[in-house]
Amino acid sequence: MTKEQPTASAAPNPPSKHQLAVMIWLSVFPTLALINVVLGDWLGTLPTLVRTFVLATIAVPIVIYGLMPQLHRLRRRALSRA
């Protein structure tokens, strides 16, 4: 005989394409703006391709591992209250 475990409230559906696009924009734009403010003088001396590579190398991990999980949590919390 197996015991059924009580289920917590059902997890919300994954974000729609539009919601995900907004979440990505909310993560990427401020990250790139901040990096440009902090490293702007140094980045300005680099060729465009190298500057883009440096920006992407710094911004992508910040967005993927730092900001997007937070935005997904905020979205889940907002949907669970509604």
C-alpha atoms as a PDB file:
ATOM      1  CA  MET A   1       0.000   0.000   0.000  1.00  0.00           C
ATOM      2  CA  THR A   2       1.416   3.365  -0.969  1.00  0.00           C
ATOM      3  CA  LYS A   3       0.784   6.566   0.840  1.00  0.00           C
ATOM      4  CA  GLU A   4      -0.149   9.568  -1.215  1.00  0.00           C
ATOM      5  CA  GLN A   5       1.786  12.612  -0.231  1.00  0.00           C
ATOM      6  CA  PRO A   6      -0.181  15.802   0.165  1.00  0.00           C
ATOM      7  CA  THR A   7       0.524  18.116  -2.694  1.00  0.00           C
ATOM      8  CA  ALA A   8       1.344  21.731  -2.213  1.00  0.00           C
ATOM      9  CA  SER A   9      -0.506  24.217  -4.328  1.00  0.00           C
ATOM     10  CA  ALA A  10      -0.025  23.444  -7.986  1.00  0.00           C
ATOM     11  CA  ALA A  11       2.956  25.136  -9.553  1.00  0.00           C
ATOM     12  CA  PRO A  12       2.029  27.835 -12.058  1.00  0.00           C
ATOM     13  CA  ASN A  13       2.483  27.190 -15.740  1.00  0.00           C
ATOM     14  CA  PRO A  14       5.783  28.218 -17.321  1.00  0.00           C
ATOM     15  CA  PRO A  15       5.886  31.801 -18.551  1.00  0.00           C
ATOM     16  CA  SER A  16       4.456  32.531 -21.968  1.00  0.00           C
ATOM     17  CA  LYS A  17       6.806  33.715 -24.709  1.00  0.00           C
ATOM     18  CA  HIS A  18       5.722  37.283 -24.041  1.00  0.00           C
ATOM     19  CA  GLN A  19       6.243  37.015 -20.288  1.00  0.00           C
ATOM     20  CA  LEU A  20       9.642  35.429 -20.834  1.00  0.00           C
ATOM     21  CA  ALA A  21      10.619  38.182 -23.267  1.00  0.00           C
ATOM     22  CA  VAL A  22       9.751  40.830 -20.675  1.00  0.00           C
ATOM     23  CA  MET A  23      11.625  38.948 -17.954  1.00  0.00           C
ATOM     24  CA  ILE A  24      14.711  38.659 -20.166  1.00  0.00           C
ATOM     25  CA  TRP A  25      14.534  42.336 -21.080  1.00  0.00           C
ATOM     26  CA  LEU A  26      14.191  43.279 -17.396  1.00  0.00           C
ATOM     27  CA  SER A  27      17.358  41.277 -16.706  1.00  0.00           C
ATOM     28  CA  VAL A  28      19.502  42.059 -19.726  1.00  0.00           C
ATOM     29  CA  PHE A  29      19.010  45.804 -20.155  1.00  0.00           C
ATOM     30  CA  PRO A  30      19.954  46.864 -16.605  1.00  0.00           C
ATOM     31  CA  THR A  31      22.840  44.401 -16.550  1.00  0.00           C
ATOM     32  CA  LEU A  32      24.317  45.735 -19.788  1.00  0.00           C
ATOM     33  CA  ALA A  33      23.720  49.330 -18.701  1.00  0.00           C
ATOM     34  CA  LEU A  34      25.495  48.761 -15.386  1.00  0.00           C
ATOM     35  CA  ILE A  35      28.436  46.982 -17.029  1.00  0.00           C
ATOM     36  CA  ASN A  36      28.749  49.834 -19.526  1.00  0.00           C
ATOM     37  CA  VAL A  37      28.713  52.416 -16.739  1.00  0.00           C
ATOM     38  CA  VAL A  38      31.280  50.553 -14.645  1.00  0.00           C
ATOM     39  CA  LEU A  39      33.585  49.444 -17.474  1.00  0.00           C
ATOM     40  CA  GLY A  40      32.688  52.029 -20.123  1.00  0.00           C
ATOM     41  CA  ASP A  41      36.063  53.773 -20.304  1.00  0.00           C
ATOM     42  CA  TRP A  42      37.928  50.488 -20.654  1.00  0.00           C
ATOM     43  CA  LEU A  43      35.377  48.950 -23.023  1.00  0.00           C
ATOM     44  CA  GLY A  44      35.532  52.007 -25.261  1.00  0.00           C
ATOM     45  CA  THR A  45      39.160  51.245 -26.068  1.00  0.00           C
ATOM     46  CA  LEU A  46      38.337  47.750 -27.348  1.00  0.00           C
ATOM     47  CA  PRO A  47      37.375  46.796 -30.892  1.00  0.00           C
ATOM     48  CA  THR A  48      33.628  46.234 -31.315  1.00  0.00           C
ATOM     49  CA  LEU A  49      33.854  42.440 -31.570  1.00  0.00           C
ATOM     50  CA  VAL A  50      36.053  42.135 -28.467  1.00  0.00           C
ATOM     51  CA  ARG A  51      33.843  44.601 -26.543  1.00  0.00           C
ATOM     52  CA  THR A  52      30.754  42.544 -27.436  1.00  0.00           C
ATOM     53  CA  PHE A  53      32.484  39.329 -26.367  1.00  0.00           C
ATOM     54  CA  VAL A  54      33.495  40.846 -23.009  1.00  0.00           C
ATOM     55  CA  LEU A  55      29.989  42.201 -22.397  1.00  0.00           C
ATOM     56  CA  ALA A  56      28.372  38.859 -23.231  1.00  0.00           C
ATOM     57  CA  THR A  57      30.888  36.923 -21.128  1.00  0.00           C
ATOM     58  CA  ILE A  58      30.081  39.061 -18.090  1.00  0.00           C
ATOM     59  CA  ALA A  59      26.348  39.601 -18.647  1.00  0.00           C
ATOM     60  CA  VAL A  60      25.128  36.113 -19.574  1.00  0.00           C
ATOM     61  CA  PRO A  61      26.100  34.389 -16.294  1.00  0.00           C
ATOM     62  CA  ILE A  62      24.713  37.306 -14.265  1.00  0.00           C
ATOM     63  CA  VAL A  63      21.400  37.120 -16.101  1.00  0.00           C
ATOM     64  CA  ILE A  64      21.065  33.325 -16.262  1.00  0.00           C
ATOM     65  CA  TYR A  65      22.314  32.374 -12.790  1.00  0.00           C
ATOM     66  CA  GLY A  66      21.533  35.525 -10.833  1.00  0.00           C
ATOM     67  CA  LEU A  67      18.623  37.523 -12.175  1.00  0.00           C
ATOM     68  CA  MET A  68      16.365  35.119 -14.064  1.00  0.00           C
ATOM     69  CA  PRO A  69      15.890  32.731 -11.110  1.00  0.00           C
ATOM     70  CA  GLN A  70      14.879  35.729  -8.983  1.00  0.00           C
ATOM     71  CA  LEU A  71      12.390  36.905 -11.604  1.00  0.00           C
ATOM     72  CA  HIS A  72      10.941  33.386 -11.899  1.00  0.00           C
ATOM     73  CA  ARG A  73      10.498  33.315  -8.096  1.00  0.00           C
ATOM     74  CA  LEU A  74       8.818  36.720  -8.106  1.00  0.00           C
ATOM     75  CA  ARG A  75       6.509  35.600 -10.905  1.00  0.00           C
ATOM     76  CA  ARG A  76       5.580  32.385  -9.052  1.00  0.00           C
ATOM     77  CA  ARG A  77       4.929  34.346  -5.848  1.00  0.00           C
ATOM     78  CA  ALA A  78       2.783  36.888  -7.681  1.00  0.00           C
ATOM     79  CA  LEU A  79       0.759  34.171  -9.413  1.00  0.00           C
ATOM     80  CA  SER A  80       0.278  32.161  -6.224  1.00  0.00           C
ATOM     81  CA  ARG A  81      -1.196  35.233  -4.479  1.00  0.00           C
ATOM     82  CA  ALA A  82      -3.589  35.915  -7.323  1.00  0.00           C
END
